[in-house]
């Protein structure tokens, strides 16, 4: 493809417009002020008032971020599950690790997965990402149990 002088001139013109737009420095402040004043236009020569914090905004944000007790318990259980998997991998991965301890930890992981599945079934909000993680942990647990039963881990 050959670059023509017309294309080069158009590119230079576009770059100049972008430079002029970015160097003004007041664009964001004006747009923000317009939105804060519900669309009333502001003249560029007038002083822009500083934004004052809205009273009670932090309380509203905290209330919106609060989770129900069921959601919080599911998240705590997921955190516990991931910690249990870390402990299990350390137990199995060490040369002097006990297979009995590993199998006991794996059984506890299986029980906790079933509990989390029960909590998620009663939860009004079904997080697809959380369900995906839970399914992966369930598959990993089943695979590890199969490896134990097959005799892959030997002391």
N, C-alpha and C. Protein backbone atom coordinates (compact mmCIF):
# COMPACT_ATOMS: atom_id res chain seq x y z
N UNK A 1 0.85 -1.17 0.00
CA UNK A 1 0.00 0.00 0.00
C UNK A 1 0.90 1.23 0.00
N UNK A 2 0.58 2.17 -0.81
CA UNK A 2 1.35 3.39 -0.95
C UNK A 2 0.67 4.52 -0.16
N UNK A 3 1.47 5.27 0.59
CA UNK A 3 0.94 6.39 1.37
C UNK A 3 0.97 7.63 0.49
N UNK A 4 -0.18 8.25 0.38
CA UNK A 4 -0.29 9.44 -0.46
C UNK A 4 -0.15 10.70 0.40
N UNK A 5 0.21 11.83 -0.20
CA UNK A 5 0.33 13.08 0.56
C UNK A 5 -0.98 13.51 1.21
N UNK A 6 -2.12 13.15 0.59
CA UNK A 6 -3.42 13.51 1.18
C UNK A 6 -3.64 12.74 2.49
N UNK A 7 -3.25 11.48 2.51
CA UNK A 7 -3.40 10.68 3.72
C UNK A 7 -2.48 11.20 4.82
N UNK A 8 -1.27 11.57 4.44
CA UNK A 8 -0.32 12.11 5.39
C UNK A 8 -0.81 13.44 5.97
N UNK A 9 -1.38 14.28 5.14
CA UNK A 9 -1.91 15.57 5.60
C UNK A 9 -3.09 15.36 6.55
N UNK A 10 -3.95 14.39 6.25
CA UNK A 10 -5.10 14.11 7.12
C UNK A 10 -4.63 13.59 8.47
N UNK A 11 -3.61 12.76 8.49
CA UNK A 11 -3.06 12.24 9.73
C UNK A 11 -2.45 13.36 10.57
N UNK A 12 -1.72 14.26 9.95
CA UNK A 12 -1.11 15.37 10.67
C UNK A 12 -2.18 16.30 11.25
N UNK A 13 -3.24 16.54 10.49
CA UNK A 13 -4.34 17.38 10.97
C UNK A 13 -5.00 16.75 12.18
N UNK A 14 -5.21 15.44 12.14
CA UNK A 14 -5.83 14.74 13.27
C UNK A 14 -4.94 14.79 14.50
N UNK A 15 -3.64 14.65 14.33
CA UNK A 15 -2.72 14.73 15.46
C UNK A 15 -2.71 16.13 16.07
N UNK A 16 -2.79 17.16 15.23
CA UNK A 16 -2.82 18.53 15.74
C UNK A 16 -4.09 18.77 16.56
N UNK A 17 -5.21 18.23 16.10
CA UNK A 17 -6.47 18.38 16.85
C UNK A 17 -6.37 17.68 18.20
N UNK A 18 -5.77 16.50 18.22
CA UNK A 18 -5.62 15.76 19.48
C UNK A 18 -4.71 16.50 20.44
N UNK A 19 -3.63 17.09 19.93
CA UNK A 19 -2.72 17.85 20.78
C UNK A 19 -3.43 19.08 21.33
N UNK A 20 -4.18 19.79 20.51
CA UNK A 20 -4.88 20.99 20.95
C UNK A 20 -5.93 20.63 21.99
N UNK A 21 -6.59 19.51 21.82
CA UNK A 21 -7.63 19.08 22.75
C UNK A 21 -7.02 18.68 24.09
N UNK A 22 -5.88 18.02 24.09
CA UNK A 22 -5.30 17.53 25.33
C UNK A 22 -4.54 18.60 26.10
N UNK A 23 -4.10 19.65 25.46
CA UNK A 23 -3.32 20.66 26.16
C UNK A 23 -4.18 21.73 26.82
N UNK A 24 -5.47 21.75 26.58
CA UNK A 24 -6.28 22.80 27.18
C UNK A 24 -6.34 22.66 28.69
N UNK A 25 -6.39 21.44 29.23
CA UNK A 25 -6.34 21.22 30.66
C UNK A 25 -7.64 21.49 31.39
N UNK A 26 -8.57 22.17 30.80
CA UNK A 26 -9.82 22.50 31.47
C UNK A 26 -10.96 21.61 31.01
N UNK A 27 -10.72 20.75 30.04
CA UNK A 27 -11.79 19.94 29.46
C UNK A 27 -12.46 19.03 30.48
N UNK A 28 -11.66 18.34 31.26
CA UNK A 28 -12.23 17.42 32.24
C UNK A 28 -12.96 18.19 33.33
N UNK A 29 -12.35 19.25 33.81
CA UNK A 29 -12.97 20.04 34.87
C UNK A 29 -14.30 20.63 34.41
N UNK A 30 -14.36 21.11 33.17
CA UNK A 30 -15.61 21.65 32.64
C UNK A 30 -16.67 20.57 32.50
N UNK A 31 -16.27 19.42 31.97
CA UNK A 31 -17.23 18.33 31.80
C UNK A 31 -17.75 17.84 33.15
N UNK A 32 -16.85 17.74 34.13
CA UNK A 32 -17.26 17.31 35.47
C UNK A 32 -18.21 18.32 36.09
N UNK A 33 -17.89 19.59 35.96
CA UNK A 33 -18.73 20.62 36.53
C UNK A 33 -20.10 20.64 35.85
N UNK A 34 -20.13 20.43 34.55
CA UNK A 34 -21.41 20.38 33.84
C UNK A 34 -22.27 19.24 34.35
N UNK A 35 -21.65 18.09 34.56
CA UNK A 35 -22.40 16.94 35.06
C UNK A 35 -22.86 17.16 36.49
N UNK A 36 -22.02 17.80 37.30
CA UNK A 36 -22.39 18.07 38.68
C UNK A 36 -23.54 19.07 38.75
N UNK A 37 -23.59 20.01 37.82
CA UNK A 37 -24.63 21.02 37.79
C UNK A 37 -25.80 20.61 36.90
N UNK A 38 -25.88 19.34 36.61
CA UNK A 38 -26.98 18.77 35.83
C UNK A 38 -27.12 19.41 34.46
N UNK A 39 -26.00 19.53 33.78
CA UNK A 39 -26.04 19.95 32.40
C UNK A 39 -26.01 21.43 32.16
N UNK A 40 -25.88 22.26 33.18
CA UNK A 40 -25.80 23.70 32.93
C UNK A 40 -24.41 24.02 32.43
N UNK A 41 -24.31 24.67 31.27
CA UNK A 41 -22.99 24.93 30.69
C UNK A 41 -22.23 25.97 31.51
N UNK A 42 -20.93 25.81 31.55
CA UNK A 42 -20.06 26.71 32.28
C UNK A 42 -19.17 27.43 31.28
N UNK A 43 -19.03 28.73 31.45
CA UNK A 43 -18.16 29.50 30.58
C UNK A 43 -16.71 29.21 30.97
N UNK A 44 -15.83 29.17 29.98
CA UNK A 44 -14.44 28.84 30.25
C UNK A 44 -13.73 29.94 31.03
N UNK A 45 -14.22 31.15 31.01
CA UNK A 45 -13.59 32.27 31.71
C UNK A 45 -13.97 32.35 33.17
N UNK A 46 -15.03 31.68 33.59
CA UNK A 46 -15.47 31.75 34.97
C UNK A 46 -14.67 30.80 35.83
N UNK A 47 -14.62 31.12 37.10
CA UNK A 47 -13.90 30.25 38.03
C UNK A 47 -14.74 29.01 38.29
N UNK A 48 -14.06 27.90 38.37
CA UNK A 48 -14.73 26.62 38.60
C UNK A 48 -14.73 26.37 40.10
N UNK A 49 -15.91 26.20 40.69
CA UNK A 49 -15.96 25.94 42.12
C UNK A 49 -15.39 24.56 42.43
N UNK A 50 -14.75 24.45 43.57
CA UNK A 50 -14.21 23.16 43.96
C UNK A 50 -15.34 22.27 44.43
N UNK A 51 -15.19 21.00 44.21
CA UNK A 51 -16.22 20.04 44.59
C UNK A 51 -16.15 19.80 46.09
N UNK A 52 -17.28 19.92 46.76
CA UNK A 52 -17.35 19.67 48.18
C UNK A 52 -17.83 18.24 48.39
N UNK A 53 -17.32 17.55 49.39
CA UNK A 53 -17.78 16.18 49.63
C UNK A 53 -19.25 16.17 50.04
N UNK A 54 -19.94 15.20 49.55
CA UNK A 54 -21.36 15.09 49.87
C UNK A 54 -21.51 14.42 51.23
N UNK A 55 -22.32 15.01 52.08
CA UNK A 55 -22.52 14.51 53.42
C UNK A 55 -23.26 13.18 53.33
N UNK A 56 -22.73 12.16 54.01
CA UNK A 56 -23.38 10.86 54.06
C UNK A 56 -23.07 9.97 52.87
N UNK A 57 -22.22 10.42 51.97
CA UNK A 57 -21.91 9.61 50.80
C UNK A 57 -21.18 8.34 51.20
N UNK A 58 -20.25 8.45 52.14
CA UNK A 58 -19.51 7.27 52.56
C UNK A 58 -20.43 6.25 53.22
N UNK A 59 -21.43 6.72 53.94
CA UNK A 59 -22.38 5.80 54.56
C UNK A 59 -23.23 5.11 53.50
N UNK A 60 -23.60 5.82 52.46
CA UNK A 60 -24.39 5.22 51.38
C UNK A 60 -23.58 4.17 50.63
N UNK A 61 -22.31 4.47 50.42
CA UNK A 61 -21.45 3.52 49.72
C UNK A 61 -21.26 2.27 50.58
N UNK A 62 -21.04 2.46 51.87
CA UNK A 62 -20.87 1.31 52.75
C UNK A 62 -22.13 0.46 52.79
N UNK A 63 -23.29 1.10 52.81
CA UNK A 63 -24.54 0.34 52.84
C UNK A 63 -24.73 -0.44 51.55
N UNK A 64 -24.32 0.15 50.45
CA UNK A 64 -24.44 -0.54 49.17
C UNK A 64 -23.47 -1.71 49.07
N UNK A 65 -22.34 -1.60 49.74
CA UNK A 65 -21.33 -2.64 49.66
C UNK A 65 -21.55 -3.76 50.66
N UNK A 66 -22.42 -3.55 51.62
CA UNK A 66 -22.67 -4.60 52.61
C UNK A 66 -23.29 -5.81 51.94
N UNK A 67 -22.85 -6.96 52.35
CA UNK A 67 -23.37 -8.19 51.80
C UNK A 67 -24.29 -8.83 52.82
N UNK A 68 -25.17 -9.66 52.33
CA UNK A 68 -26.04 -10.38 53.24
C UNK A 68 -25.21 -11.41 53.99
N UNK A 69 -25.76 -11.94 55.05
CA UNK A 69 -25.02 -12.91 55.86
C UNK A 69 -24.73 -14.18 55.06
N UNK A 70 -25.64 -14.58 54.18
CA UNK A 70 -25.41 -15.77 53.37
C UNK A 70 -24.25 -15.55 52.42
N UNK A 71 -24.22 -14.39 51.75
CA UNK A 71 -23.12 -14.11 50.82
C UNK A 71 -21.80 -14.02 51.56
N UNK A 72 -21.82 -13.41 52.74
CA UNK A 72 -20.59 -13.30 53.52
C UNK A 72 -20.11 -14.67 53.96
N UNK A 73 -21.02 -15.54 54.38
CA UNK A 73 -20.61 -16.88 54.80
C UNK A 73 -20.07 -17.68 53.64
N UNK A 74 -20.63 -17.51 52.44
CA UNK A 74 -20.12 -18.21 51.26
C UNK A 74 -18.70 -17.73 50.96
N UNK A 75 -18.48 -16.43 51.03
CA UNK A 75 -17.15 -15.90 50.77
C UNK A 75 -16.14 -16.38 51.81
N UNK A 76 -16.55 -16.44 53.07
CA UNK A 76 -15.66 -16.95 54.12
C UNK A 76 -15.32 -18.41 53.88
N UNK A 77 -16.32 -19.18 53.47
CA UNK A 77 -16.09 -20.61 53.19
C UNK A 77 -15.17 -20.79 51.99
N UNK A 78 -15.35 -19.95 50.97
CA UNK A 78 -14.47 -20.04 49.80
C UNK A 78 -13.03 -19.72 50.20
N UNK A 79 -12.86 -18.73 51.05
CA UNK A 79 -11.52 -18.40 51.54
C UNK A 79 -10.94 -19.57 52.33
N UNK A 80 -11.77 -20.17 53.15
CA UNK A 80 -11.34 -21.34 53.91
C UNK A 80 -10.96 -22.50 52.99
N UNK A 81 -11.75 -22.70 51.94
CA UNK A 81 -11.45 -23.78 50.99
C UNK A 81 -10.09 -23.58 50.33
N UNK A 82 -9.83 -22.37 49.90
CA UNK A 82 -8.55 -22.09 49.25
C UNK A 82 -7.39 -22.27 50.23
N UNK A 83 -7.59 -21.90 51.47
CA UNK A 83 -6.55 -22.11 52.48
C UNK A 83 -6.33 -23.60 52.74
N UNK A 84 -7.42 -24.36 52.76
CA UNK A 84 -7.30 -25.80 52.95
C UNK A 84 -6.55 -26.45 51.78
N UNK A 85 -6.81 -25.98 50.57
CA UNK A 85 -6.09 -26.52 49.42
C UNK A 85 -4.61 -26.21 49.52
N UNK A 86 -4.28 -25.05 50.00
CA UNK A 86 -2.87 -24.70 50.16
C UNK A 86 -2.21 -25.61 51.19
N UNK A 87 -2.89 -25.83 52.30
CA UNK A 87 -2.36 -26.73 53.34
C UNK A 87 -2.22 -28.15 52.80
N UNK A 88 -3.21 -28.60 52.03
CA UNK A 88 -3.18 -29.94 51.46
C UNK A 88 -1.98 -30.09 50.52
N UNK A 89 -1.76 -29.11 49.67
CA UNK A 89 -0.63 -29.21 48.73
C UNK A 89 0.70 -29.21 49.45
N UNK A 90 0.79 -28.48 50.56
CA UNK A 90 2.03 -28.48 51.33
C UNK A 90 2.22 -29.83 52.03
N UNK A 91 1.14 -30.43 52.51
CA UNK A 91 1.23 -31.73 53.17
C UNK A 91 1.66 -32.81 52.19
N UNK A 92 1.05 -32.84 51.02
CA UNK A 92 1.37 -33.86 50.03
C UNK A 92 2.71 -33.59 49.36
N UNK A 93 3.06 -32.33 49.19
CA UNK A 93 4.27 -31.95 48.46
C UNK A 93 5.57 -32.15 49.20
N UNK A 94 5.52 -32.23 50.51
CA UNK A 94 6.76 -32.39 51.27
C UNK A 94 7.18 -33.87 51.26
N UNK A 95 8.48 -34.13 51.30
CA UNK A 95 8.93 -35.53 51.27
C UNK A 95 8.53 -36.31 52.52
N UNK A 96 8.33 -35.62 53.63
CA UNK A 96 7.96 -36.31 54.86
C UNK A 96 6.49 -36.10 55.21
N UNK A 97 5.69 -35.71 54.22
CA UNK A 97 4.28 -35.47 54.44
C UNK A 97 3.52 -36.77 54.69
N UNK A 98 2.51 -36.69 55.50
CA UNK A 98 1.72 -37.86 55.85
C UNK A 98 0.55 -37.99 54.89
N UNK A 99 0.39 -39.18 54.30
CA UNK A 99 -0.73 -39.42 53.40
C UNK A 99 -2.05 -39.46 54.17
N UNK A 100 -2.00 -39.93 55.40
CA UNK A 100 -3.23 -39.95 56.22
C UNK A 100 -3.73 -38.53 56.47
N UNK A 101 -2.80 -37.66 56.80
CA UNK A 101 -3.18 -36.26 57.02
C UNK A 101 -3.72 -35.65 55.73
N UNK A 102 -3.07 -35.96 54.62
CA UNK A 102 -3.52 -35.45 53.33
C UNK A 102 -4.91 -35.92 52.98
N UNK A 103 -5.17 -37.20 53.22
CA UNK A 103 -6.50 -37.74 52.89
C UNK A 103 -7.55 -37.15 53.82
N UNK A 104 -7.21 -36.93 55.08
CA UNK A 104 -8.14 -36.30 56.03
C UNK A 104 -8.45 -34.87 55.59
N UNK A 105 -7.42 -34.16 55.16
CA UNK A 105 -7.64 -32.79 54.67
C UNK A 105 -8.51 -32.79 53.42
N UNK A 106 -8.29 -33.77 52.55
CA UNK A 106 -9.08 -33.86 51.32
C UNK A 106 -10.55 -34.15 51.64
N UNK A 107 -10.81 -34.99 52.64
CA UNK A 107 -12.19 -35.28 53.04
C UNK A 107 -12.85 -34.03 53.61
N UNK A 108 -12.09 -33.23 54.37
CA UNK A 108 -12.64 -31.99 54.92
C UNK A 108 -12.93 -31.00 53.79
N UNK A 109 -12.07 -30.97 52.79
CA UNK A 109 -12.30 -30.09 51.64
C UNK A 109 -13.58 -30.50 50.93
N UNK A 110 -13.79 -31.80 50.74
CA UNK A 110 -15.00 -32.31 50.08
C UNK A 110 -16.25 -31.87 50.85
N UNK A 111 -16.23 -31.99 52.17
CA UNK A 111 -17.38 -31.59 52.99
C UNK A 111 -17.64 -30.09 52.86
N UNK A 112 -16.59 -29.30 52.89
CA UNK A 112 -16.77 -27.84 52.78
C UNK A 112 -17.29 -27.44 51.40
N UNK A 113 -16.88 -28.14 50.38
CA UNK A 113 -17.41 -27.85 49.04
C UNK A 113 -18.90 -28.11 49.00
N UNK A 114 -19.33 -29.20 49.61
CA UNK A 114 -20.76 -29.51 49.64
C UNK A 114 -21.53 -28.46 50.44
N UNK A 115 -20.94 -27.97 51.54
CA UNK A 115 -21.58 -26.91 52.32
C UNK A 115 -21.74 -25.63 51.50
N UNK A 116 -20.68 -25.26 50.79
CA UNK A 116 -20.73 -24.03 49.99
C UNK A 116 -21.76 -24.18 48.88
N UNK A 117 -21.83 -25.36 48.28
CA UNK A 117 -22.85 -25.59 47.25
C UNK A 117 -24.25 -25.43 47.83
N UNK A 118 -24.45 -25.91 49.05
CA UNK A 118 -25.75 -25.76 49.72
C UNK A 118 -26.07 -24.31 50.00
N UNK A 119 -25.08 -23.55 50.46
CA UNK A 119 -25.29 -22.12 50.72
C UNK A 119 -25.58 -21.36 49.44
N UNK A 120 -24.88 -21.71 48.37
CA UNK A 120 -25.09 -21.01 47.10
C UNK A 120 -26.44 -21.34 46.50
N UNK A 121 -26.97 -22.51 46.79
CA UNK A 121 -28.29 -22.87 46.28
C UNK A 121 -29.37 -22.02 46.94
N UNK A 122 -29.14 -21.61 48.19
CA UNK A 122 -30.11 -20.79 48.91
C UNK A 122 -29.87 -19.30 48.73
N UNK A 123 -28.78 -18.94 48.11
CA UNK A 123 -28.44 -17.54 47.92
C UNK A 123 -29.27 -16.94 46.79
N UNK A 124 -29.80 -15.73 46.96
CA UNK A 124 -30.60 -15.12 45.90
C UNK A 124 -29.75 -14.70 44.70
N UNK A 125 -28.48 -14.42 44.92
CA UNK A 125 -27.59 -14.00 43.84
C UNK A 125 -26.65 -15.15 43.51
N UNK A 126 -26.72 -15.61 42.28
CA UNK A 126 -25.84 -16.70 41.85
C UNK A 126 -24.70 -16.10 41.06
N UNK A 127 -23.54 -16.08 41.67
CA UNK A 127 -22.35 -15.55 41.01
C UNK A 127 -21.80 -16.62 40.09
N UNK A 128 -21.76 -16.35 38.80
CA UNK A 128 -21.28 -17.35 37.85
C UNK A 128 -19.79 -17.60 38.03
N UNK A 129 -19.02 -16.55 38.33
CA UNK A 129 -17.58 -16.74 38.54
C UNK A 129 -17.34 -17.58 39.79
N UNK A 130 -18.10 -17.33 40.83
CA UNK A 130 -17.94 -18.07 42.07
C UNK A 130 -18.34 -19.53 41.87
N UNK A 131 -19.40 -19.75 41.11
CA UNK A 131 -19.82 -21.12 40.81
C UNK A 131 -18.76 -21.83 39.98
N UNK A 132 -18.17 -21.12 39.06
CA UNK A 132 -17.11 -21.69 38.22
C UNK A 132 -15.92 -22.12 39.07
N UNK A 133 -15.52 -21.28 40.00
CA UNK A 133 -14.40 -21.62 40.89
C UNK A 133 -14.76 -22.82 41.74
N UNK A 134 -15.97 -22.85 42.25
CA UNK A 134 -16.41 -23.96 43.09
C UNK A 134 -16.43 -25.27 42.30
N UNK A 135 -16.87 -25.22 41.05
CA UNK A 135 -16.87 -26.41 40.21
C UNK A 135 -15.45 -26.90 39.96
N UNK A 136 -14.53 -25.97 39.72
CA UNK A 136 -13.13 -26.35 39.51
C UNK A 136 -12.55 -27.01 40.76
N UNK A 137 -12.87 -26.45 41.93
CA UNK A 137 -12.38 -27.05 43.17
C UNK A 137 -12.99 -28.44 43.38
N UNK A 138 -14.25 -28.60 43.02
CA UNK A 138 -14.90 -29.91 43.14
C UNK A 138 -14.24 -30.92 42.21
N UNK A 139 -13.94 -30.53 41.00
CA UNK A 139 -13.27 -31.41 40.04
C UNK A 139 -11.88 -31.78 40.54
N UNK A 140 -11.17 -30.80 41.08
CA UNK A 140 -9.83 -31.04 41.60
C UNK A 140 -9.88 -32.01 42.79
N UNK A 141 -10.88 -31.87 43.64
CA UNK A 141 -11.03 -32.76 44.79
C UNK A 141 -11.31 -34.18 44.33
N UNK A 142 -12.20 -34.32 43.36
CA UNK A 142 -12.53 -35.65 42.83
C UNK A 142 -11.29 -36.29 42.21
N UNK A 143 -10.52 -35.51 41.49
CA UNK A 143 -9.30 -36.03 40.85
C UNK A 143 -8.29 -36.48 41.90
N UNK A 144 -8.12 -35.70 42.94
CA UNK A 144 -7.18 -36.07 44.00
C UNK A 144 -7.65 -37.32 44.73
N UNK A 145 -8.95 -37.46 44.97
CA UNK A 145 -9.46 -38.67 45.61
C UNK A 145 -9.22 -39.89 44.73
N UNK A 146 -9.39 -39.73 43.43
CA UNK A 146 -9.14 -40.81 42.50
C UNK A 146 -7.66 -41.21 42.53
N UNK A 147 -6.77 -40.22 42.59
CA UNK A 147 -5.34 -40.51 42.66
C UNK A 147 -4.99 -41.27 43.94
N UNK A 148 -5.60 -40.87 45.06
CA UNK A 148 -5.36 -41.58 46.31
C UNK A 148 -5.84 -43.02 46.20
N UNK A 149 -7.04 -43.22 45.68
CA UNK A 149 -7.61 -44.58 45.58
C UNK A 149 -6.83 -45.45 44.60
N UNK A 150 -6.26 -44.85 43.57
CA UNK A 150 -5.50 -45.58 42.56
C UNK A 150 -4.10 -45.92 43.08
N UNK A 151 -3.62 -45.19 44.08
CA UNK A 151 -2.31 -45.46 44.63
C UNK A 151 -1.20 -44.64 44.05
N UNK A 152 -1.53 -43.48 43.52
CA UNK A 152 -0.49 -42.63 42.92
C UNK A 152 0.46 -42.06 43.97
N UNK A 153 -0.02 -41.86 45.18
CA UNK A 153 0.82 -41.30 46.23
C UNK A 153 1.32 -42.42 47.11
N UNK A 154 2.62 -42.56 47.19
CA UNK A 154 3.24 -43.57 48.02
C UNK A 154 4.26 -42.92 48.94
N UNK A 155 4.37 -43.44 50.14
CA UNK A 155 5.39 -42.92 51.07
C UNK A 155 6.71 -43.57 50.80
